[in-house]
């Protein structure tokens, strides 16, 4: 779904990602309800809109959100390891 203009079915996405079709279906339903992904009932396919792809799937985009998550995640690691050392000693 990273390609914003490539609609995909539940089965296609499950096959591409090596995941369970039922779980993919439930996840997609939640993403549609949240407004992140679009669903076309006539084709029974899902699509990531271009404006959402900028933030969710385009690593070269200045608004790519995973970069923010990674920065926060890596900044949290030192305190995690300090806590681990304090509790395991």
Protein backbone atom coordinates (compact mmCIF):
# COMPACT_ATOMS: atom_id res chain seq x y z
CA UNK A 1 0.00 0.00 0.00
CA UNK A 2 3.00 2.27 0.08
CA UNK A 3 2.31 3.20 -3.53
CA UNK A 4 -0.58 5.61 -3.10
CA UNK A 5 -2.22 4.85 -6.45
CA UNK A 6 -2.06 1.05 -6.29
CA UNK A 7 -5.29 -0.36 -4.86
CA UNK A 8 -4.85 -3.73 -3.18
CA UNK A 9 -7.22 -6.42 -1.90
CA UNK A 10 -7.02 -7.97 1.56
CA UNK A 11 -5.60 -11.18 0.09
CA UNK A 12 -3.00 -9.33 -1.99
CA UNK A 13 -1.79 -7.35 1.02
CA UNK A 14 -1.72 -10.44 3.23
CA UNK A 15 0.27 -12.33 0.61
CA UNK A 16 2.72 -9.44 0.08
CA UNK A 17 3.35 -9.04 3.80
CA UNK A 18 3.22 -12.71 4.79
CA UNK A 19 0.47 -12.07 7.31
CA UNK A 20 -2.87 -13.69 8.14
CA UNK A 21 -5.66 -12.54 5.82
CA UNK A 22 -8.26 -12.23 8.61
CA UNK A 23 -5.98 -10.00 10.69
CA UNK A 24 -5.15 -7.85 7.66
CA UNK A 25 -8.88 -7.48 6.99
CA UNK A 26 -9.53 -6.31 10.56
CA UNK A 27 -6.56 -3.93 10.48
CA UNK A 28 -7.68 -2.42 7.16
CA UNK A 29 -11.24 -1.98 8.46
CA UNK A 30 -9.85 0.00 11.40
CA UNK A 31 -7.67 2.12 9.13
CA UNK A 32 -10.65 2.91 6.88
CA UNK A 33 -12.74 3.86 9.92
CA UNK A 34 -9.92 6.12 11.13
CA UNK A 35 -9.68 7.76 7.72
CA UNK A 36 -6.11 6.67 6.95
CA UNK A 37 -6.99 4.31 4.09
CA UNK A 38 -9.73 4.47 1.45
CA UNK A 39 -11.95 1.52 0.52
CA UNK A 40 -13.69 1.00 -2.82
CA UNK A 41 -16.62 -1.38 -2.28
CA UNK A 42 -17.10 -2.00 -6.02
CA UNK A 43 -13.58 -3.43 -6.44
CA UNK A 44 -13.21 -4.52 -2.79
CA UNK A 45 -9.77 -2.91 -2.76
CA UNK A 46 -8.00 -0.51 -0.43
CA UNK A 47 -5.84 2.48 -1.27
CA UNK A 48 -3.49 4.73 0.67
CA UNK A 49 -4.28 8.31 -0.45
CA UNK A 50 -1.29 10.32 -1.73
CA UNK A 51 -1.52 12.87 1.09
CA UNK A 52 -1.33 10.06 3.68
CA UNK A 53 1.47 8.29 1.83
CA UNK A 54 3.64 11.38 2.32
CA UNK A 55 3.47 10.97 6.08
CA UNK A 56 3.18 7.20 6.37
CA UNK A 57 5.06 5.58 3.49
CA UNK A 58 7.46 7.99 1.78
CA UNK A 59 10.80 7.84 3.62
CA UNK A 60 12.07 10.81 1.60
CA UNK A 61 9.16 13.05 2.57
CA UNK A 62 9.87 15.92 4.99
CA UNK A 63 6.69 14.94 6.89
CA UNK A 64 7.47 11.21 7.19
CA UNK A 65 6.23 10.22 10.66
CA UNK A 66 8.31 7.12 11.26
CA UNK A 67 11.39 9.30 11.53
CA UNK A 68 9.82 11.07 14.50
CA UNK A 69 8.97 7.72 16.10
CA UNK A 70 12.52 6.44 15.57
CA UNK A 71 14.02 9.58 17.10
CA UNK A 72 11.78 9.26 20.16
CA UNK A 73 12.36 5.51 20.38
CA UNK A 74 16.15 5.79 20.24
CA UNK A 75 16.17 8.63 22.74
CA UNK A 76 14.19 6.42 25.14
CA UNK A 77 16.67 3.56 25.02
CA UNK A 78 19.32 5.00 27.37
CA UNK A 79 16.80 5.41 30.18
CA UNK A 80 15.49 1.89 29.50
CA UNK A 81 18.97 0.40 29.86
CA UNK A 82 19.68 2.40 33.02
CA UNK A 83 16.44 1.12 34.54
CA UNK A 84 17.28 -2.43 33.46
CA UNK A 85 20.69 -2.23 35.13
CA UNK A 86 19.19 -0.88 38.35
CA UNK A 87 16.59 -3.62 38.61
CA UNK A 88 18.73 -6.60 37.59
CA UNK A 89 21.70 -5.99 39.90
